[in-house]
Amino acid sequence: MKKPSSRIREEIGRLQEQLKQAETREAERIGRLALKAGIGDVKANDSELVTAFEEVANRFCKGNVRPSRQTGAPVAVATSHGRAGEA
């Protein structure tokens, strides 16, 4: 049975909210860890920090690679089953 477009839009809305909540949890987790590691005191611009974070992601998430937004270089992507040591 096919779903009406209104029902699909509702599902998309729910999924977008779930995505937003998941991204918020992940950002808070990474933020806490970054602060614990002393990143808050680092004197670097955002693009330098993004590059450094991409290098860290590549180090810990080998096998799940996507192009970097800035350089076109491969960058690893964490998957739901590929995260280790989640807080």
C-alpha atoms as a PDB file:
ATOM      1  CA  MET A   1       0.000   0.000   0.000  1.00  0.00           C
ATOM      2  CA  LYS A   2       1.370   3.422  -0.962  1.00  0.00           C
ATOM      3  CA  LYS A   3       1.587   6.220   1.578  1.00  0.00           C
ATOM      4  CA  PRO A   4      -0.022   9.588   0.861  1.00  0.00           C
ATOM      5  CA  SER A   5       2.381  12.500   0.472  1.00  0.00           C
ATOM      6  CA  SER A   6       1.103  14.133   3.673  1.00  0.00           C
ATOM      7  CA  ARG A   7       2.124  11.076   5.679  1.00  0.00           C
ATOM      8  CA  ILE A   8       5.548  10.997   4.051  1.00  0.00           C
ATOM      9  CA  ARG A   9       6.011  14.704   4.913  1.00  0.00           C
ATOM     10  CA  GLU A  10       5.100  13.923   8.541  1.00  0.00           C
ATOM     11  CA  GLU A  11       7.695  11.142   8.614  1.00  0.00           C
ATOM     12  CA  ILE A  12      10.301  13.464   7.111  1.00  0.00           C
ATOM     13  CA  GLY A  13       9.505  16.046   9.792  1.00  0.00           C
ATOM     14  CA  ARG A  14       9.920  13.475  12.559  1.00  0.00           C
ATOM     15  CA  LEU A  15      13.181  12.236  11.060  1.00  0.00           C
ATOM     16  CA  GLN A  16      14.514  15.793  10.711  1.00  0.00           C
ATOM     17  CA  GLU A  17      13.781  16.378  14.399  1.00  0.00           C
ATOM     18  CA  GLN A  18      15.517  13.119  15.324  1.00  0.00           C
ATOM     19  CA  LEU A  19      18.513  14.139  13.215  1.00  0.00           C
ATOM     20  CA  LYS A  20      18.650  17.541  14.907  1.00  0.00           C
ATOM     21  CA  GLN A  21      18.563  15.914  18.354  1.00  0.00           C
ATOM     22  CA  ALA A  22      21.262  13.388  17.412  1.00  0.00           C
ATOM     23  CA  GLU A  23      23.505  16.127  16.017  1.00  0.00           C
ATOM     24  CA  THR A  24      23.018  18.168  19.184  1.00  0.00           C
ATOM     25  CA  ARG A  25      23.987  15.195  21.382  1.00  0.00           C
ATOM     26  CA  GLU A  26      27.046  14.520  19.221  1.00  0.00           C
ATOM     27  CA  ALA A  27      28.091  18.189  19.222  1.00  0.00           C
ATOM     28  CA  GLU A  28      27.739  18.399  22.998  1.00  0.00           C
ATOM     29  CA  ARG A  29      29.779  15.225  23.455  1.00  0.00           C
ATOM     30  CA  ILE A  30      32.554  16.373  21.133  1.00  0.00           C
ATOM     31  CA  GLY A  31      32.484  19.836  22.697  1.00  0.00           C
ATOM     32  CA  ARG A  32      32.881  18.427  26.209  1.00  0.00           C
ATOM     33  CA  LEU A  33      35.778  16.231  25.095  1.00  0.00           C
ATOM     34  CA  ALA A  34      37.433  19.090  23.205  1.00  0.00           C
ATOM     35  CA  LEU A  35      37.216  21.350  26.255  1.00  0.00           C
ATOM     36  CA  LYS A  36      38.568  18.581  28.472  1.00  0.00           C
ATOM     37  CA  ALA A  37      41.520  18.246  26.073  1.00  0.00           C
ATOM     38  CA  GLY A  38      42.164  22.010  26.226  1.00  0.00           C
ATOM     39  CA  ILE A  39      40.889  22.973  22.767  1.00  0.00           C
ATOM     40  CA  GLY A  40      39.132  26.017  24.242  1.00  0.00           C
ATOM     41  CA  ASP A  41      42.527  27.604  24.892  1.00  0.00           C
ATOM     42  CA  VAL A  42      43.937  26.959  21.411  1.00  0.00           C
ATOM     43  CA  LYS A  43      44.664  30.078  19.371  1.00  0.00           C
ATOM     44  CA  ALA A  44      43.674  28.889  15.901  1.00  0.00           C
ATOM     45  CA  ASN A  45      41.080  29.961  13.362  1.00  0.00           C
ATOM     46  CA  ASP A  46      38.067  27.806  12.561  1.00  0.00           C
ATOM     47  CA  SER A  47      39.457  26.447   9.286  1.00  0.00           C
ATOM     48  CA  GLU A  48      42.616  25.249  11.042  1.00  0.00           C
ATOM     49  CA  LEU A  49      40.546  23.544  13.718  1.00  0.00           C
ATOM     50  CA  VAL A  50      38.277  21.911  11.131  1.00  0.00           C
ATOM     51  CA  THR A  51      41.349  20.544   9.348  1.00  0.00           C
ATOM     52  CA  ALA A  52      42.732  19.201  12.625  1.00  0.00           C
ATOM     53  CA  PHE A  53      39.381  17.606  13.510  1.00  0.00           C
ATOM     54  CA  GLU A  54      39.237  16.016  10.052  1.00  0.00           C
ATOM     55  CA  GLU A  55      42.682  14.513  10.665  1.00  0.00           C
ATOM     56  CA  VAL A  56      41.501  13.121  14.009  1.00  0.00           C
ATOM     57  CA  ALA A  57      38.366  11.690  12.379  1.00  0.00           C
ATOM     58  CA  ASN A  58      40.503  10.090   9.683  1.00  0.00           C
ATOM     59  CA  ARG A  59      42.758   8.565  12.329  1.00  0.00           C
ATOM     60  CA  PHE A  60      39.919   6.948  14.290  1.00  0.00           C
ATOM     61  CA  CYS A  61      37.401   6.108  11.553  1.00  0.00           C
ATOM     62  CA  LYS A  62      39.433   4.399   8.868  1.00  0.00           C
ATOM     63  CA  GLY A  63      37.303   2.721   6.214  1.00  0.00           C
ATOM     64  CA  ASN A  64      34.440   5.231   6.307  1.00  0.00           C
ATOM     65  CA  VAL A  65      35.923   7.997   4.160  1.00  0.00           C
ATOM     66  CA  ARG A  66      34.324  11.029   2.499  1.00  0.00           C
ATOM     67  CA  PRO A  67      35.902  14.040   0.762  1.00  0.00           C
ATOM     68  CA  SER A  68      36.853  16.971   2.959  1.00  0.00           C
ATOM     69  CA  ARG A  69      34.691  20.052   2.556  1.00  0.00           C
ATOM     70  CA  GLN A  70      37.707  22.345   2.335  1.00  0.00           C
ATOM     71  CA  THR A  71      40.501  20.375   0.703  1.00  0.00           C
ATOM     72  CA  GLY A  72      38.865  17.557  -1.223  1.00  0.00           C
ATOM     73  CA  ALA A  73      41.058  15.168   0.769  1.00  0.00           C
ATOM     74  CA  PRO A  74      39.463  12.017   2.208  1.00  0.00           C
ATOM     75  CA  VAL A  75      37.963  12.381   5.668  1.00  0.00           C
ATOM     76  CA  ALA A  76      36.524   9.556   7.732  1.00  0.00           C
ATOM     77  CA  VAL A  77      32.880   9.553   8.733  1.00  0.00           C
ATOM     78  CA  ALA A  78      31.665   7.940  11.948  1.00  0.00           C
ATOM     79  CA  THR A  79      28.803   5.522  11.543  1.00  0.00           C
ATOM     80  CA  SER A  80      26.244   4.534  14.138  1.00  0.00           C
ATOM     81  CA  HIS A  81      28.079   1.250  14.643  1.00  0.00           C
ATOM     82  CA  GLY A  82      31.574   2.678  14.143  1.00  0.00           C
ATOM     83  CA  ARG A  83      31.878   4.928  17.194  1.00  0.00           C
ATOM     84  CA  ALA A  84      34.129   3.894  20.019  1.00  0.00           C
ATOM     85  CA  GLY A  85      34.111   5.176  23.573  1.00  0.00           C
ATOM     86  CA  GLU A  86      30.952   7.230  23.336  1.00  0.00           C
ATOM     87  CA  ALA A  87      30.289   9.248  26.495  1.00  0.00           C
END
